[in-house]
Amino acid sequence: MAPMASGADHYRDAERVLEDAKAAQPGSDQERFLLAAAQIHATLAQAAATALTGAVAAGYWDEQPDLVAWVEAAGVKPDVAK
């Protein structure tokens, strides 16, 4: 069994799958499948991000690997005073 994806993994996967959907024939089954897969990844990413916002707001983002992965995936560094 493969390890469970993190929220940041789902975020990156949603972006990747959306890029793949751009290459699909518009209106095709492949495009619909890829858009649905991207939506699933985006929903899982949103759920994970929502669950982690308290730690980021509290300034503990750099102490947790999952939070660091989110910061890297989002391409921003929280401006949090400790």
C-alpha atoms as a PDB file:
ATOM      1  CA  MET A   1       0.000   0.000   0.000  1.00  0.00           C
ATOM      2  CA  ALA A   2       1.350   3.401  -0.974  1.00  0.00           C
ATOM      3  CA  PRO A   3       1.829   6.020   1.742  1.00  0.00           C
ATOM      4  CA  MET A   4      -1.000   8.526   2.144  1.00  0.00           C
ATOM      5  CA  ALA A   5      -0.492  11.807   0.325  1.00  0.00           C
ATOM      6  CA  SER A   6      -0.118  14.971   2.354  1.00  0.00           C
ATOM      7  CA  GLY A   7      -2.244  18.032   1.774  1.00  0.00           C
ATOM      8  CA  ALA A   8       0.652  19.664  -0.042  1.00  0.00           C
ATOM      9  CA  ASP A   9       0.949  16.589  -2.274  1.00  0.00           C
ATOM     10  CA  HIS A  10      -2.731  16.892  -3.170  1.00  0.00           C
ATOM     11  CA  TYR A  11      -2.276  20.603  -3.951  1.00  0.00           C
ATOM     12  CA  ARG A  12       0.610  19.870  -6.324  1.00  0.00           C
ATOM     13  CA  ASP A  13      -1.274  16.931  -7.856  1.00  0.00           C
ATOM     14  CA  ALA A  14      -4.315  19.130  -8.523  1.00  0.00           C
ATOM     15  CA  GLU A  15      -2.119  21.631 -10.363  1.00  0.00           C
ATOM     16  CA  ARG A  16      -0.396  18.860 -12.343  1.00  0.00           C
ATOM     17  CA  VAL A  17      -3.650  17.158 -13.337  1.00  0.00           C
ATOM     18  CA  LEU A  18      -5.148  20.495 -14.417  1.00  0.00           C
ATOM     19  CA  GLU A  19      -2.159  21.004 -16.697  1.00  0.00           C
ATOM     20  CA  ASP A  20      -2.737  17.520 -18.138  1.00  0.00           C
ATOM     21  CA  ALA A  21      -6.403  18.399 -18.727  1.00  0.00           C
ATOM     22  CA  LYS A  22      -5.359  21.338 -20.902  1.00  0.00           C
ATOM     23  CA  ALA A  23      -3.832  18.874 -23.379  1.00  0.00           C
ATOM     24  CA  ALA A  24      -6.960  16.710 -23.553  1.00  0.00           C
ATOM     25  CA  GLN A  25      -9.549  17.066 -26.292  1.00  0.00           C
ATOM     26  CA  PRO A  26     -12.172  19.553 -25.046  1.00  0.00           C
ATOM     27  CA  GLY A  27     -15.347  17.744 -23.990  1.00  0.00           C
ATOM     28  CA  SER A  28     -13.702  14.315 -24.108  1.00  0.00           C
ATOM     29  CA  ASP A  29     -14.015  11.603 -21.481  1.00  0.00           C
ATOM     30  CA  GLN A  30     -10.313  12.101 -20.756  1.00  0.00           C
ATOM     31  CA  GLU A  31     -10.812  15.802 -20.069  1.00  0.00           C
ATOM     32  CA  ARG A  32     -13.790  15.099 -17.791  1.00  0.00           C
ATOM     33  CA  PHE A  33     -11.824  12.420 -15.923  1.00  0.00           C
ATOM     34  CA  LEU A  34      -8.826  14.704 -15.441  1.00  0.00           C
ATOM     35  CA  LEU A  35     -10.963  17.623 -14.280  1.00  0.00           C
ATOM     36  CA  ALA A  36     -12.740  15.365 -11.786  1.00  0.00           C
ATOM     37  CA  ALA A  37      -9.399  14.044 -10.515  1.00  0.00           C
ATOM     38  CA  ALA A  38      -8.086  17.599 -10.128  1.00  0.00           C
ATOM     39  CA  GLN A  39     -11.218  18.557  -8.186  1.00  0.00           C
ATOM     40  CA  ILE A  40     -10.761  15.599  -5.834  1.00  0.00           C
ATOM     41  CA  HIS A  41      -7.127  16.530  -5.182  1.00  0.00           C
ATOM     42  CA  ALA A  42      -8.066  20.185  -4.676  1.00  0.00           C
ATOM     43  CA  THR A  43     -10.807  19.255  -2.206  1.00  0.00           C
ATOM     44  CA  LEU A  44      -8.459  17.049  -0.190  1.00  0.00           C
ATOM     45  CA  ALA A  45      -5.826  19.801  -0.245  1.00  0.00           C
ATOM     46  CA  GLN A  46      -8.366  22.337   0.997  1.00  0.00           C
ATOM     47  CA  ALA A  47      -9.453  20.042   3.826  1.00  0.00           C
ATOM     48  CA  ALA A  48      -5.852  19.531   4.920  1.00  0.00           C
ATOM     49  CA  ALA A  49      -5.035  23.241   4.683  1.00  0.00           C
ATOM     50  CA  THR A  50      -8.090  24.142   6.735  1.00  0.00           C
ATOM     51  CA  ALA A  51      -7.091  21.663   9.425  1.00  0.00           C
ATOM     52  CA  LEU A  52      -3.580  23.126   9.639  1.00  0.00           C
ATOM     53  CA  THR A  53      -4.366  26.845   9.720  1.00  0.00           C
ATOM     54  CA  GLY A  54      -4.359  27.098  13.512  1.00  0.00           C
ATOM     55  CA  ALA A  55      -0.735  26.006  13.801  1.00  0.00           C
ATOM     56  CA  VAL A  56       0.356  28.423  11.072  1.00  0.00           C
ATOM     57  CA  ALA A  57      -1.525  31.299  12.684  1.00  0.00           C
ATOM     58  CA  ALA A  58       0.022  30.417  16.040  1.00  0.00           C
ATOM     59  CA  GLY A  59       3.515  30.596  14.531  1.00  0.00           C
ATOM     60  CA  TYR A  60       4.418  26.904  14.737  1.00  0.00           C
ATOM     61  CA  TRP A  61       4.554  26.282  10.997  1.00  0.00           C
ATOM     62  CA  ASP A  62       8.319  25.744  10.861  1.00  0.00           C
ATOM     63  CA  GLU A  63       8.250  23.010  13.526  1.00  0.00           C
ATOM     64  CA  GLN A  64       5.959  20.602  11.691  1.00  0.00           C
ATOM     65  CA  PRO A  65       6.981  18.796   8.473  1.00  0.00           C
ATOM     66  CA  ASP A  66       3.414  18.895   7.088  1.00  0.00           C
ATOM     67  CA  LEU A  67       3.236  22.647   7.616  1.00  0.00           C
ATOM     68  CA  VAL A  68       6.638  23.231   6.046  1.00  0.00           C
ATOM     69  CA  ALA A  69       5.453  21.211   3.024  1.00  0.00           C
ATOM     70  CA  TRP A  70       2.384  23.458   2.767  1.00  0.00           C
ATOM     71  CA  VAL A  71       4.451  26.610   2.921  1.00  0.00           C
ATOM     72  CA  GLU A  72       6.700  25.254   0.166  1.00  0.00           C
ATOM     73  CA  ALA A  73       3.759  24.099  -1.978  1.00  0.00           C
ATOM     74  CA  ALA A  74       2.046  27.474  -1.677  1.00  0.00           C
ATOM     75  CA  GLY A  75       5.283  29.278  -2.497  1.00  0.00           C
ATOM     76  CA  VAL A  76       5.003  31.663   0.425  1.00  0.00           C
ATOM     77  CA  LYS A  77       6.551  32.020   3.842  1.00  0.00           C
ATOM     78  CA  PRO A  78       4.215  33.103   6.620  1.00  0.00           C
ATOM     79  CA  ASP A  79       5.181  36.384   8.243  1.00  0.00           C
ATOM     80  CA  VAL A  80       4.669  35.167  11.780  1.00  0.00           C
ATOM     81  CA  ALA A  81       6.438  36.620  14.817  1.00  0.00           C
ATOM     82  CA  LYS A  82       7.354  34.007  17.393  1.00  0.00           C
END
